[in-house]
Amino acid sequence: EEDLLKLTLWKTDKMTSRALCEQTVQDSDKVDLTTVLYLFGQ
């Protein structure tokens, strides 16, 4: 019950790997994430 699921949008480039954004989901819930991100070629 106290655990939460995190849906993560992950970015990997030639040098690094990191999370861009996360959405926490509770109790088999709906996911609704809208955002604007600056992304690079590659």
Full PDB file with SEQRES, HELIX, SHEET, SSBOND, CRYST1, ORIGX, SCALE, CONECT and MASTER records, all heavy atoms in Angstrom:
SEQRES   1 A   42  GLU GLU ASP LEU LEU LYS LEU THR LEU TRP LYS THR ASP          
SEQRES   2 A   42  LYS MET THR SER ARG ALA LEU CYS GLU GLN THR VAL GLN          
SEQRES   3 A   42  ASP SER ASP LYS VAL ASP LEU THR THR VAL LEU TYR LEU          
SEQRES   4 A   42  PHE GLY GLN                                                  
SHEET    1 AA1 2 LEU A   5  THR A  12  0                                        
SHEET    2 AA1 2 SER A  17  VAL A  25 -1                                        
CRYST1    1.000    1.000    1.000  90.00  90.00  90.00 P 1           1          
ORIGX1      1.000000  0.000000  0.000000        0.00000                         
ORIGX2      0.000000  1.000000  0.000000        0.00000                         
ORIGX3      0.000000  0.000000  1.000000        0.00000                         
SCALE1      1.000000  0.000000  0.000000        0.00000                         
SCALE2      0.000000  1.000000  0.000000        0.00000                         
SCALE3      0.000000  0.000000  1.000000        0.00000                         
ATOM      1  N   GLU A   1       0.800  -1.225   0.000  1.00  0.00           N  
ATOM      2  CA  GLU A   1       0.000   0.000   0.000  1.00  0.00           C  
ATOM      3  C   GLU A   1       0.833   1.275   0.000  1.00  0.00           C  
ATOM      4  O   GLU A   1       0.506   2.242  -0.673  1.00  0.00           O  
ATOM      5  CB  GLU A   1      -0.931   0.022   1.217  1.00  0.00           C  
ATOM      6  CG  GLU A   1      -2.176  -0.788   0.997  1.00  0.00           C  
ATOM      7  CD  GLU A   1      -3.142  -0.610   2.141  1.00  0.00           C  
ATOM      8  OE1 GLU A   1      -3.223   0.497   2.700  1.00  0.00           O  
ATOM      9  OE2 GLU A   1      -3.818  -1.585   2.472  1.00  0.00           O  
ATOM     10  N   GLU A   2       1.890   1.302   0.782  1.00  0.00           N  
ATOM     11  CA  GLU A   2       2.673   2.543   0.882  1.00  0.00           C  
ATOM     12  C   GLU A   2       3.651   2.735  -0.284  1.00  0.00           C  
ATOM     13  O   GLU A   2       4.228   3.802  -0.444  1.00  0.00           O  
ATOM     14  CB  GLU A   2       3.424   2.639   2.219  1.00  0.00           C  
ATOM     15  CG  GLU A   2       4.401   1.524   2.505  1.00  0.00           C  
ATOM     16  CD  GLU A   2       3.750   0.294   3.147  1.00  0.00           C  
ATOM     17  OE1 GLU A   2       2.608   0.339   3.593  1.00  0.00           O  
ATOM     18  OE2 GLU A   2       4.425  -0.729   3.176  1.00  0.00           O  
ATOM     19  N   ASP A   3       3.842   1.711  -1.085  1.00  0.00           N  
ATOM     20  CA  ASP A   3       4.758   1.823  -2.230  1.00  0.00           C  
ATOM     21  C   ASP A   3       4.083   2.548  -3.393  1.00  0.00           C  
ATOM     22  O   ASP A   3       2.873   2.460  -3.583  1.00  0.00           O  
ATOM     23  CB  ASP A   3       5.210   0.434  -2.692  1.00  0.00           C  
ATOM     24  CG  ASP A   3       6.154  -0.221  -1.690  1.00  0.00           C  
ATOM     25  OD1 ASP A   3       6.769   0.526  -0.905  1.00  0.00           O  
ATOM     26  OD2 ASP A   3       6.259  -1.460  -1.700  1.00  0.00           O  
ATOM     27  N   LEU A   4       4.892   3.240  -4.132  1.00  0.00           N  
ATOM     28  CA  LEU A   4       4.405   3.970  -5.296  1.00  0.00           C  
ATOM     29  C   LEU A   4       5.176   3.527  -6.526  1.00  0.00           C  
ATOM     30  O   LEU A   4       6.349   3.170  -6.447  1.00  0.00           O  
ATOM     31  CB  LEU A   4       4.615   5.480  -5.107  1.00  0.00           C  
ATOM     32  CG  LEU A   4       3.957   6.114  -3.890  1.00  0.00           C  
ATOM     33  CD1 LEU A   4       4.413   7.558  -3.764  1.00  0.00           C  
ATOM     34  CD2 LEU A   4       2.461   6.060  -4.021  1.00  0.00           C  
ATOM     35  N   LEU A   5       4.532   3.565  -7.657  1.00  0.00           N  
ATOM     36  CA  LEU A   5       5.203   3.270  -8.915  1.00  0.00           C  
ATOM     37  C   LEU A   5       5.617   4.595  -9.547  1.00  0.00           C  
ATOM     38  O   LEU A   5       4.856   5.568  -9.518  1.00  0.00           O  
ATOM     39  CB  LEU A   5       4.255   2.519  -9.855  1.00  0.00           C  
ATOM     40  CG  LEU A   5       4.835   2.207 -11.225  1.00  0.00           C  
ATOM     41  CD1 LEU A   5       4.536   0.775 -11.594  1.00  0.00           C  
ATOM     42  CD2 LEU A   5       4.263   3.125 -12.273  1.00  0.00           C  
ATOM     43  N   LYS A   6       6.814   4.614 -10.094  1.00  0.00           N  
ATOM     44  CA  LYS A   6       7.269   5.808 -10.808  1.00  0.00           C  
ATOM     45  C   LYS A   6       7.464   5.455 -12.272  1.00  0.00           C  
ATOM     46  O   LYS A   6       8.167   4.498 -12.595  1.00  0.00           O  
ATOM     47  CB  LYS A   6       8.578   6.343 -10.224  1.00  0.00           C  
ATOM     48  CG  LYS A   6       8.401   6.976  -8.880  1.00  0.00           C  
ATOM     49  CD  LYS A   6       9.673   7.598  -8.385  1.00  0.00           C  
ATOM     50  CE  LYS A   6       9.436   8.200  -7.018  1.00  0.00           C  
ATOM     51  NZ  LYS A   6      10.645   8.734  -6.443  1.00  0.00           N  
ATOM     52  N   LEU A   7       6.826   6.243 -13.122  1.00  0.00           N  
ATOM     53  CA  LEU A   7       6.998   6.129 -14.562  1.00  0.00           C  
ATOM     54  C   LEU A   7       8.015   7.196 -14.943  1.00  0.00           C  
ATOM     55  O   LEU A   7       7.818   8.379 -14.660  1.00  0.00           O  
ATOM     56  CB  LEU A   7       5.664   6.371 -15.274  1.00  0.00           C  
ATOM     57  CG  LEU A   7       5.672   6.273 -16.782  1.00  0.00           C  
ATOM     58  CD1 LEU A   7       5.949   4.839 -17.223  1.00  0.00           C  
ATOM     59  CD2 LEU A   7       4.355   6.740 -17.350  1.00  0.00           C  
ATOM     60  N   THR A   8       9.143   6.774 -15.522  1.00  0.00           N  
ATOM     61  CA  THR A   8      10.250   7.691 -15.775  1.00  0.00           C  
ATOM     62  C   THR A   8      10.535   7.794 -17.265  1.00  0.00           C  
ATOM     63  O   THR A   8      10.666   6.785 -17.952  1.00  0.00           O  
ATOM     64  CB  THR A   8      11.529   7.220 -15.055  1.00  0.00           C  
ATOM     65  OG1 THR A   8      11.231   7.037 -13.676  1.00  0.00           O  
ATOM     66  CG2 THR A   8      12.652   8.219 -15.202  1.00  0.00           C  
ATOM     67  N   LEU A   9      10.648   9.016 -17.724  1.00  0.00           N  
ATOM     68  CA  LEU A   9      11.095   9.283 -19.090  1.00  0.00           C  
ATOM     69  C   LEU A   9      12.604   9.471 -19.003  1.00  0.00           C  
ATOM     70  O   LEU A   9      13.094  10.368 -18.320  1.00  0.00           O  
ATOM     71  CB  LEU A   9      10.418  10.547 -19.622  1.00  0.00           C  
ATOM     72  CG  LEU A   9      10.537  10.837 -21.103  1.00  0.00           C  
ATOM     73  CD1 LEU A   9       9.918   9.708 -21.917  1.00  0.00           C  
ATOM     74  CD2 LEU A   9       9.864  12.143 -21.449  1.00  0.00           C  
ATOM     75  N   TRP A  10      13.364   8.587 -19.654  1.00  0.00           N  
ATOM     76  CA  TRP A  10      14.802   8.498 -19.505  1.00  0.00           C  
ATOM     77  C   TRP A  10      15.507   8.953 -20.766  1.00  0.00           C  
ATOM     78  O   TRP A  10      15.072   8.633 -21.864  1.00  0.00           O  
ATOM     79  CB  TRP A  10      15.173   7.049 -19.193  1.00  0.00           C  
ATOM     80  CG  TRP A  10      16.504   6.873 -18.562  1.00  0.00           C  
ATOM     81  CD1 TRP A  10      17.657   6.547 -19.184  1.00  0.00           C  
ATOM     82  CD2 TRP A  10      16.824   7.012 -17.192  1.00  0.00           C  
ATOM     83  NE1 TRP A  10      18.686   6.476 -18.283  1.00  0.00           N  
ATOM     84  CE2 TRP A  10      18.200   6.754 -17.047  1.00  0.00           C  
ATOM     85  CE3 TRP A  10      16.086   7.337 -16.056  1.00  0.00           C  
ATOM     86  CZ2 TRP A  10      18.851   6.805 -15.826  1.00  0.00           C  
ATOM     87  CZ3 TRP A  10      16.737   7.383 -14.844  1.00  0.00           C  
ATOM     88  CH2 TRP A  10      18.101   7.118 -14.732  1.00  0.00           C  
ATOM     89  N   LYS A  11      16.593   9.694 -20.606  1.00  0.00           N  
ATOM     90  CA  LYS A  11      17.368  10.204 -21.741  1.00  0.00           C  
ATOM     91  C   LYS A  11      18.768   9.612 -21.696  1.00  0.00           C  
ATOM     92  O   LYS A  11      19.432   9.635 -20.669  1.00  0.00           O  
ATOM     93  CB  LYS A  11      17.447  11.726 -21.653  1.00  0.00           C  
ATOM     94  CG  LYS A  11      18.431  12.342 -22.617  1.00  0.00           C  
ATOM     95  CD  LYS A  11      18.617  13.821 -22.311  1.00  0.00           C  
ATOM     96  CE  LYS A  11      19.911  14.294 -22.890  1.00  0.00           C  
ATOM     97  NZ  LYS A  11      20.172  15.671 -22.728  1.00  0.00           N  
ATOM     98  N   THR A  12      19.206   9.109 -22.840  1.00  0.00           N  
ATOM     99  CA  THR A  12      20.560   8.594 -22.968  1.00  0.00           C  
ATOM    100  C   THR A  12      21.196   9.250 -24.176  1.00  0.00           C  
ATOM    101  O   THR A  12      20.599   9.289 -25.245  1.00  0.00           O  
ATOM    102  CB  THR A  12      20.549   7.062 -23.175  1.00  0.00           C  
ATOM    103  OG1 THR A  12      19.803   6.471 -22.109  1.00  0.00           O  
ATOM    104  CG2 THR A  12      21.947   6.492 -23.198  1.00  0.00           C  
ATOM    105  N   ASP A  13      22.399   9.802 -23.989  1.00  0.00           N  
ATOM    106  CA  ASP A  13      23.153  10.335 -25.131  1.00  0.00           C  
ATOM    107  C   ASP A  13      24.501   9.623 -25.172  1.00  0.00           C  
ATOM    108  O   ASP A  13      24.703   8.618 -24.498  1.00  0.00           O  
ATOM    109  CB  ASP A  13      23.283  11.861 -25.073  1.00  0.00           C  
ATOM    110  CG  ASP A  13      23.967  12.362 -23.816  1.00  0.00           C  
ATOM    111  OD1 ASP A  13      24.755  11.597 -23.219  1.00  0.00           O  
ATOM    112  OD2 ASP A  13      23.740  13.516 -23.418  1.00  0.00           O  
ATOM    113  N   LYS A  14      25.430  10.139 -25.934  1.00  0.00           N  
ATOM    114  CA  LYS A  14      26.733   9.465 -26.087  1.00  0.00           C  
ATOM    115  C   LYS A  14      27.510   9.375 -24.779  1.00  0.00           C  
ATOM    116  O   LYS A  14      28.280   8.449 -24.568  1.00  0.00           O  
ATOM    117  CB  LYS A  14      27.570  10.195 -27.130  1.00  0.00           C  
ATOM    118  CG  LYS A  14      27.029  10.047 -28.522  1.00  0.00           C  
ATOM    119  CD  LYS A  14      27.873  10.803 -29.521  1.00  0.00           C  
ATOM    120  CE  LYS A  14      27.313  10.660 -30.915  1.00  0.00           C  
ATOM    121  NZ  LYS A  14      28.071  11.383 -31.905  1.00  0.00           N  
ATOM    122  N   MET A  15      27.326  10.355 -23.889  1.00  0.00           N  
ATOM    123  CA  MET A  15      28.143  10.431 -22.680  1.00  0.00           C  
ATOM    124  C   MET A  15      27.393  10.080 -21.388  1.00  0.00           C  
ATOM    125  O   MET A  15      27.982   9.539 -20.470  1.00  0.00           O  
ATOM    126  CB  MET A  15      28.713  11.849 -22.532  1.00  0.00           C  
ATOM    127  CG  MET A  15      29.491  12.337 -23.746  1.00  0.00           C  
ATOM    128  SD  MET A  15      31.025  11.469 -23.953  1.00  0.00           S  
ATOM    129  CE  MET A  15      32.032  12.322 -22.788  1.00  0.00           C  
ATOM    130  N   THR A  16      26.117  10.438 -21.300  1.00  0.00           N  
ATOM    131  CA  THR A  16      25.402  10.310 -20.022  1.00  0.00           C  
ATOM    132  C   THR A  16      24.042   9.647 -20.204  1.00  0.00           C  
ATOM    133  O   THR A  16      23.541   9.499 -21.314  1.00  0.00           O  
ATOM    134  CB  THR A  16      25.165  11.702 -19.383  1.00  0.00           C  
ATOM    135  OG1 THR A  16      24.359  12.476 -20.275  1.00  0.00           O  
ATOM    136  CG2 THR A  16      26.463  12.415 -19.107  1.00  0.00           C  
ATOM    137  N   SER A  17      23.472   9.316 -19.054  1.00  0.00           N  
ATOM    138  CA  SER A  17      22.129   8.761 -19.013  1.00  0.00           C  
ATOM    139  C   SER A  17      21.461   9.339 -17.770  1.00  0.00           C  
ATOM    140  O   SER A  17      22.036   9.285 -16.684  1.00  0.00           O  
ATOM    141  CB  SER A  17      22.217   7.238 -18.934  1.00  0.00           C  
ATOM    142  OG  SER A  17      20.957   6.676 -18.989  1.00  0.00           O  
ATOM    143  N   ARG A  18      20.274   9.917 -17.945  1.00  0.00           N  
ATOM    144  CA  ARG A  18      19.614  10.530 -16.793  1.00  0.00           C  
ATOM    145  C   ARG A  18      18.103  10.603 -16.992  1.00  0.00           C  
ATOM    146  O   ARG A  18      17.603  10.519 -18.107  1.00  0.00           O  
ATOM    147  CB  ARG A  18      20.161  11.930 -16.530  1.00  0.00           C  
ATOM    148  CG  ARG A  18      19.845  12.937 -17.613  1.00  0.00           C  
ATOM    149  CD  ARG A  18      20.410  14.316 -17.268  1.00  0.00           C  
ATOM    150  NE  ARG A  18      20.162  15.263 -18.321  1.00  0.00           N  
ATOM    151  CZ  ARG A  18      19.112  16.058 -18.388  1.00  0.00           C  
ATOM    152  NH1 ARG A  18      18.198  16.021 -17.445  1.00  0.00           N  
ATOM    153  NH2 ARG A  18      18.952  16.907 -19.384  1.00  0.00           N  
ATOM    154  N   ALA A  19      17.390  10.777 -15.876  1.00  0.00           N  
ATOM    155  CA  ALA A  19      15.932  10.913 -15.917  1.00  0.00           C  
ATOM    156  C   ALA A  19      15.566  12.330 -16.368  1.00  0.00           C  
ATOM    157  O   ALA A  19      16.144  13.304 -15.883  1.00  0.00           O  
ATOM    158  CB  ALA A  19      15.344  10.634 -14.549  1.00  0.00           C  
ATOM    159  N   LEU A  20      14.618  12.427 -17.293  1.00  0.00           N  
ATOM    160  CA  LEU A  20      14.127  13.736 -17.732  1.00  0.00           C  
ATOM    161  C   LEU A  20      12.954  14.189 -16.865  1.00  0.00           C  
ATOM    162  O   LEU A  20      12.880  15.337 -16.472  1.00  0.00           O  
ATOM    163  CB  LEU A  20      13.688  13.678 -19.193  1.00  0.00           C  
ATOM    164  CG  LEU A  20      14.779  13.575 -20.223  1.00  0.00           C  
ATOM    165  CD1 LEU A  20      14.195  13.350 -21.595  1.00  0.00           C  
ATOM    166  CD2 LEU A  20      15.622  14.842 -20.226  1.00  0.00           C  
ATOM    167  N   CYS A  21      12.026  13.279 -16.632  1.00  0.00           N  
ATOM    168  CA  CYS A  21      10.897  13.597 -15.754  1.00  0.00           C  
ATOM    169  C   CYS A  21      10.274  12.304 -15.244  1.00  0.00           C  
ATOM    170  O   CYS A  21      10.452  11.242 -15.842  1.00  0.00           O  
ATOM    171  CB  CYS A  21       9.863  14.474 -16.464  1.00  0.00           C  
ATOM    172  SG  CYS A  21       9.132  13.741 -17.905  1.00  0.00           S  
ATOM    173  N   GLU A  22       9.574  12.416 -14.121  1.00  0.00           N  
ATOM    174  CA  GLU A  22       8.943  11.252 -13.498  1.00  0.00           C  
ATOM    175  C   GLU A  22       7.496  11.562 -13.171  1.00  0.00           C  
ATOM    176  O   GLU A  22       7.163  12.698 -12.840  1.00  0.00           O  
ATOM    177  CB  GLU A  22       9.656  10.878 -12.194  1.00  0.00           C  
ATOM    178  CG  GLU A  22      10.994  10.246 -12.375  1.00  0.00           C  
ATOM    179  CD  GLU A  22      11.597   9.793 -11.057  1.00  0.00           C  
ATOM    180  OE1 GLU A  22      11.223  10.302  -9.986  1.00  0.00           O  
ATOM    181  OE2 GLU A  22      12.467   8.919 -11.118  1.00  0.00           O  
ATOM    182  N   GLN A  23       6.673  10.545 -13.270  1.00  0.00           N  
ATOM    183  CA  GLN A  23       5.264  10.649 -12.869  1.00  0.00           C  
ATOM    184  C   GLN A  23       5.024   9.575 -11.823  1.00  0.00           C  
ATOM    185  O   GLN A  23       5.269   8.391 -12.071  1.00  0.00           O  
ATOM    186  CB  GLN A  23       4.361  10.435 -14.077  1.00  0.00           C  
ATOM    187  CG  GLN A  23       2.886  10.375 -13.760  1.00  0.00           C  
ATOM    188  CD  GLN A  23       2.295  11.740 -13.492  1.00  0.00           C  
ATOM    189  OE1 GLN A  23       2.621  12.694 -14.163  1.00  0.00           O  
ATOM    190  NE2 GLN A  23       1.447  11.835 -12.494  1.00  0.00           N  
ATOM    191  N   THR A  24       4.562   9.955 -10.638  1.00  0.00           N  
ATOM    192  CA  THR A  24       4.259   9.001  -9.586  1.00  0.00           C  
ATOM    193  C   THR A  24       2.831   8.494  -9.774  1.00  0.00           C  
ATOM    194  O   THR A  24       1.913   9.279  -9.966  1.00  0.00           O  
ATOM    195  CB  THR A  24       4.399   9.660  -8.197  1.00  0.00           C  
ATOM    196  OG1 THR A  24       5.735  10.161  -8.079  1.00  0.00           O  
ATOM    197  CG2 THR A  24       4.134   8.670  -7.088  1.00  0.00           C  
ATOM    198  N   VAL A  25       2.692   7.175  -9.726  1.00  0.00           N  
ATOM    199  CA  VAL A  25       1.385   6.550  -9.939  1.00  0.00           C  
ATOM    200  C   VAL A  25       1.004   5.830  -8.652  1.00  0.00           C  
ATOM    201  O   VAL A  25       1.790   5.071  -8.097  1.00  0.00           O  
ATOM    202  CB  VAL A  25       1.443   5.553 -11.128  1.00  0.00           C  
ATOM    203  CG1 VAL A  25       0.072   4.953 -11.380  1.00  0.00           C  
ATOM    204  CG2 VAL A  25       1.976   6.230 -12.368  1.00  0.00           C  
ATOM    205  N   GLN A  26      -0.231   6.045  -8.179  1.00  0.00           N  
ATOM    206  CA  GLN A  26      -0.704   5.428  -6.935  1.00  0.00           C  
ATOM    207  C   GLN A  26      -1.880   4.507  -7.225  1.00  0.00           C  
ATOM    208  O   GLN A  26      -2.771   4.854  -8.007  1.00  0.00           O  
ATOM    209  CB  GLN A  26      -1.164   6.502  -5.950  1.00  0.00           C  
ATOM    210  CG  GLN A  26      -0.064   7.421  -5.501  1.00  0.00           C  
ATOM    211  CD  GLN A  26      -0.603   8.504  -4.583  1.00  0.00           C  
ATOM    212  OE1 GLN A  26      -1.780   8.765  -4.534  1.00  0.00           O  
ATOM    213  NE2 GLN A  26       0.299   9.119  -3.837  1.00  0.00           N  
ATOM    214  N   ASP A  27      -1.893   3.371  -6.589  1.00  0.00           N  
ATOM    215  CA  ASP A  27      -3.043   2.465  -6.612  1.00  0.00           C  
ATOM    216  C   ASP A  27      -3.586   2.205  -8.020  1.00  0.00           C  
ATOM    217  O   ASP A  27      -4.760   2.448  -8.299  1.00  0.00           O  
ATOM    218  CB  ASP A  27      -4.182   3.022  -5.732  1.00  0.00           C  
ATOM    219  CG  ASP A  27      -3.737   3.211  -4.296  1.00  0.00           C  
ATOM    220  OD1 ASP A  27      -2.913   2.393  -3.835  1.00  0.00           O  
ATOM    221  OD2 ASP A  27      -4.191   4.167  -3.662  1.00  0.00           O  
ATOM    222  N   SER A  28      -2.746   1.699  -8.905  1.00  0.00           N  
ATOM    223  CA  SER A  28      -3.175   1.387 -10.275  1.00  0.00           C  
ATOM    224  C   SER A  28      -3.946   2.552 -10.885  1.00  0.00           C  
ATOM    225  O   SER A  28      -5.083   2.441 -11.320  1.00  0.00           O  
ATOM    226  CB  SER A  28      -4.035   0.123 -10.296  1.00  0.00           C  
ATOM    227  OG  SER A  28      -3.278  -0.973  -9.849  1.00  0.00           O  
ATOM    228  N   ASP A  29      -3.317   3.668 -10.859  1.00  0.00           N  
ATOM    229  CA  ASP A  29      -3.958   4.918 -11.254  1.00  0.00           C  
ATOM    230  C   ASP A  29      -3.691   5.252 -12.720  1.00  0.00           C  
ATOM    231  O   ASP A  29      -2.859   4.648 -13.381  1.00  0.00           O  
ATOM    232  CB  ASP A  29      -3.406   6.041 -10.363  1.00  0.00           C  
ATOM    233  CG  ASP A  29      -4.333   7.232 -10.271  1.00  0.00           C  
ATOM    234  OD1 ASP A  29      -5.427   7.193 -10.848  1.00  0.00           O  
ATOM    235  OD2 ASP A  29      -3.939   8.216  -9.624  1.00  0.00           O  
ATOM    236  N   LYS A  30      -4.401   6.261 -13.171  1.00  0.00           N  
ATOM    237  CA  LYS A  30      -4.198   6.765 -14.524  1.00  0.00           C  
ATOM    238  C   LYS A  30      -2.948   7.640 -14.556  1.00  0.00           C  
ATOM    239  O   LYS A  30      -2.655   8.354 -13.610  1.00  0.00           O  
ATOM    240  CB  LYS A  30      -5.393   7.605 -14.972  1.00  0.00           C  
ATOM    241  CG  LYS A  30      -6.623   6.793 -15.216  1.00  0.00           C  
ATOM    242  CD  LYS A  30      -7.747   7.665 -15.722  1.00  0.00           C  
ATOM    243  CE  LYS A  30      -8.974   6.821 -15.988  1.00  0.00           C  
ATOM    244  NZ  LYS A  30     -10.074   7.626 -16.500  1.00  0.00           N  
ATOM    245  N   VAL A  31      -2.266   7.571 -15.671  1.00  0.00           N  
ATOM    246  CA  VAL A  31      -1.098   8.413 -15.901  1.00  0.00           C  
ATOM    247  C   VAL A  31      -1.524   9.530 -16.837  1.00  0.00           C  
ATOM    248  O   VAL A  31      -2.168   9.283 -17.855  1.00  0.00           O  
ATOM    249  CB  VAL A  31       0.050   7.603 -16.563  1.00  0.00           C  
ATOM    250  CG1 VAL A  31       1.202   8.505 -16.911  1.00  0.00           C  
ATOM    251  CG2 VAL A  31       0.482   6.479 -15.666  1.00  0.00           C  
ATOM    252  N   ASP A  32      -1.194  10.759 -16.466  1.00  0.00           N  
ATOM    253  CA  ASP A  32      -1.501  11.902 -17.331  1.00  0.00           C  
ATOM    254  C   ASP A  32      -0.375  12.914 -17.155  1.00  0.00           C  
ATOM    255  O   ASP A  32      -0.375  13.698 -16.221  1.00  0.00           O  
ATOM    256  CB  ASP A  32      -2.847  12.507 -16.952  1.00  0.00           C  
ATOM    257  CG  ASP A  32      -3.312  13.556 -17.959  1.00  0.00           C  
ATOM    258  OD1 ASP A  32      -2.576  13.819 -18.939  1.00  0.00           O  
ATOM    259  OD2 ASP A  32      -4.408  14.108 -17.767  1.00  0.00           O  
ATOM    260  N   LEU A  33       0.592  12.866 -18.058  1.00  0.00           N  
ATOM    261  CA  LEU A  33       1.772  13.722 -17.977  1.00  0.00           C  
ATOM    262  C   LEU A  33       1.904  14.497 -19.283  1.00  0.00           C  
ATOM    263  O   LEU A  33       1.938  13.900 -20.355  1.00  0.00           O  
ATOM    264  CB  LEU A  33       3.030  12.877 -17.749  1.00  0.00           C  
ATOM    265  CG  LEU A  33       4.379  13.594 -17.856  1.00  0.00           C  
ATOM    266  CD1 LEU A  33       4.548  14.550 -16.697  1.00  0.00           C  
ATOM    267  CD2 LEU A  33       5.508  12.588 -17.885  1.00  0.00           C  
ATOM    268  N   THR A  34       1.950  15.813 -19.180  1.00  0.00           N  
ATOM    269  CA  THR A  34       2.204  16.664 -20.339  1.00  0.00           C  
ATOM    270  C   THR A  34       3.263  17.675 -19.932  1.00  0.00           C  
ATOM    271  O   THR A  34       3.106  18.354 -18.914  1.00  0.00           O  
ATOM    272  CB  THR A  34       0.934  17.397 -20.801  1.00  0.00           C  
ATOM    273  OG1 THR A  34      -0.068  16.415 -21.096  1.00  0.00           O  
ATOM    274  CG2 THR A  34       1.198  18.217 -22.048  1.00  0.00           C  
ATOM    275  N   THR A  35       4.325  17.756 -20.708  1.00  0.00           N  
ATOM    276  CA  THR A  35       5.421  18.664 -20.389  1.00  0.00           C  
ATOM    277  C   THR A  35       6.138  19.083 -21.667  1.00  0.00           C  
ATOM    278  O   THR A  35       5.931  18.498 -22.720  1.00  0.00           O  
ATOM    279  CB  THR A  35       6.407  18.016 -19.388  1.00  0.00           C  
ATOM    280  OG1 THR A  35       7.344  19.003 -18.965  1.00  0.00           O  
ATOM    281  CG2 THR A  35       7.149  16.851 -20.007  1.00  0.00           C  
ATOM    282  N   VAL A  36       6.985  20.081 -21.534  1.00  0.00           N  
ATOM    283  CA  VAL A  36       7.832  20.530 -22.640  1.00  0.00           C  
ATOM    284  C   VAL A  36       9.282  20.333 -22.213  1.00  0.00           C  
ATOM    285  O   VAL A  36       9.665  20.755 -21.119  1.00  0.00           O  
ATOM    286  CB  VAL A  36       7.574  22.016 -22.992  1.00  0.00           C  
ATOM    287  CG1 VAL A  36       8.536  22.494 -24.052  1.00  0.00           C  
ATOM    288  CG2 VAL A  36       6.137  22.212 -23.456  1.00  0.00           C  
ATOM    289  N   LEU A  37      10.060  19.675 -23.076  1.00  0.00           N  
ATOM    290  CA  LEU A  37      11.460  19.386 -22.766  1.00  0.00           C  
ATOM    291  C   LEU A  37      12.351  19.865 -23.897  1.00  0.00           C  
ATOM    292  O   LEU A  37      11.955  19.800 -25.059  1.00  0.00           O  
ATOM    293  CB  LEU A  37      11.665  17.873 -22.597  1.00  0.00           C  
ATOM    294  CG  LEU A  37      10.887  17.183 -21.490  1.00  0.00           C  
ATOM    295  CD1 LEU A  37      11.028  15.682 -21.620  1.00  0.00           C  
ATOM    296  CD2 LEU A  37      11.382  17.649 -20.135  1.00  0.00           C  
ATOM    297  N   TYR A  38      13.554  20.324 -23.549  1.00  0.00           N  
ATOM    298  CA  TYR A  38      14.547  20.643 -24.573  1.00  0.00           C  
ATOM    299  C   TYR A  38      15.404  19.400 -24.770  1.00  0.00           C  
ATOM    300  O   TYR A  38      16.056  18.942 -23.847  1.00  0.00           O  
ATOM    301  CB  TYR A  38      15.422  21.840 -24.171  1.00  0.00           C  
ATOM    302  CG  TYR A  38      16.223  22.355 -25.338  1.00  0.00           C  
ATOM    303  CD1 TYR A  38      15.707  23.348 -26.155  1.00  0.00           C  
ATOM    304  CD2 TYR A  38      17.453  21.815 -25.670  1.00  0.00           C  
ATOM    305  CE1 TYR A  38      16.408  23.814 -27.255  1.00  0.00           C  
ATOM    306  CE2 TYR A  38      18.165  22.267 -26.763  1.00  0.00           C  
ATOM    307  CZ  TYR A  38      17.641  23.265 -27.550  1.00  0.00           C  
ATOM    308  OH  TYR A  38      18.332  23.711 -28.643  1.00  0.00           O  
ATOM    309  N   LEU A  39      15.347  18.855 -25.978  1.00  0.00           N  
ATOM    310  CA  LEU A  39      16.104  17.646 -26.299  1.00  0.00           C  
ATOM    311  C   LEU A  39      17.136  17.961 -27.367  1.00  0.00           C  
ATOM    312  O   LEU A  39      16.957  18.892 -28.158  1.00  0.00           O  
ATOM    313  CB  LEU A  39      15.164  16.542 -26.788  1.00  0.00           C  
ATOM    314  CG  LEU A  39      14.062  16.132 -25.803  1.00  0.00           C  
ATOM    315  CD1 LEU A  39      13.112  15.148 -26.455  1.00  0.00           C  
ATOM    316  CD2 LEU A  39      14.664  15.560 -24.536  1.00  0.00           C  
ATOM    317  N   PHE A  40      18.199  17.172 -27.392  1.00  0.00           N  
ATOM    318  CA  PHE A  40      19.288  17.384 -28.336  1.00  0.00           C  
ATOM    319  C   PHE A  40      19.319  16.255 -29.362  1.00  0.00           C  
ATOM    320  O   PHE A  40      18.914  15.127 -29.065  1.00  0.00           O  
ATOM    321  CB  PHE A  40      20.629  17.439 -27.595  1.00  0.00           C  
ATOM    322  CG  PHE A  40      20.742  18.595 -26.657  1.00  0.00           C  
ATOM    323  CD1 PHE A  40      20.424  18.453 -25.314  1.00  0.00           C  
ATOM    324  CD2 PHE A  40      21.155  19.841 -27.114  1.00  0.00           C  
ATOM    325  CE1 PHE A  40      20.515  19.525 -24.446  1.00  0.00           C  
ATOM    326  CE2 PHE A  40      21.249  20.914 -26.254  1.00  0.00           C  
ATOM    327  CZ  PHE A  40      20.933  20.763 -24.921  1.00  0.00           C  
ATOM    328  N   GLY A  41      19.814  16.579 -30.545  1.00  0.00           N  
ATOM    329  CA  GLY A  41      20.030  15.554 -31.549  1.00  0.00           C  
ATOM    330  C   GLY A  41      20.955  14.494 -30.961  1.00  0.00           C  
ATOM    331  O   GLY A  41      21.818  14.806 -30.126  1.00  0.00           O  
ATOM    332  N   GLN A  42      20.793  13.255 -31.326  1.00  0.00           N  
ATOM    333  CA  GLN A  42      21.554  12.113 -30.826  1.00  0.00           C  
ATOM    334  C   GLN A  42      21.065  11.625 -29.458  1.00  0.00           C  
ATOM    335  O   GLN A  42      21.638  10.691 -28.903  1.00  0.00           O  
ATOM    336  CB  GLN A  42      23.072  12.403 -30.751  1.00  0.00           C  
ATOM    337  CG  GLN A  42      23.685  12.962 -32.012  1.00  0.00           C  
ATOM    338  CD  GLN A  42      23.486  12.044 -33.202  1.00  0.00           C  
ATOM    339  OE1 GLN A  42      23.616  10.846 -33.082  1.00  0.00           O  
ATOM    340  NE2 GLN A  42      23.139  12.618 -34.344  1.00  0.00           N  
TER     341      GLN A  42                                                      
MASTER        0    0    0    0    2    0    0    6  340    1    0    4          
END                                                                             
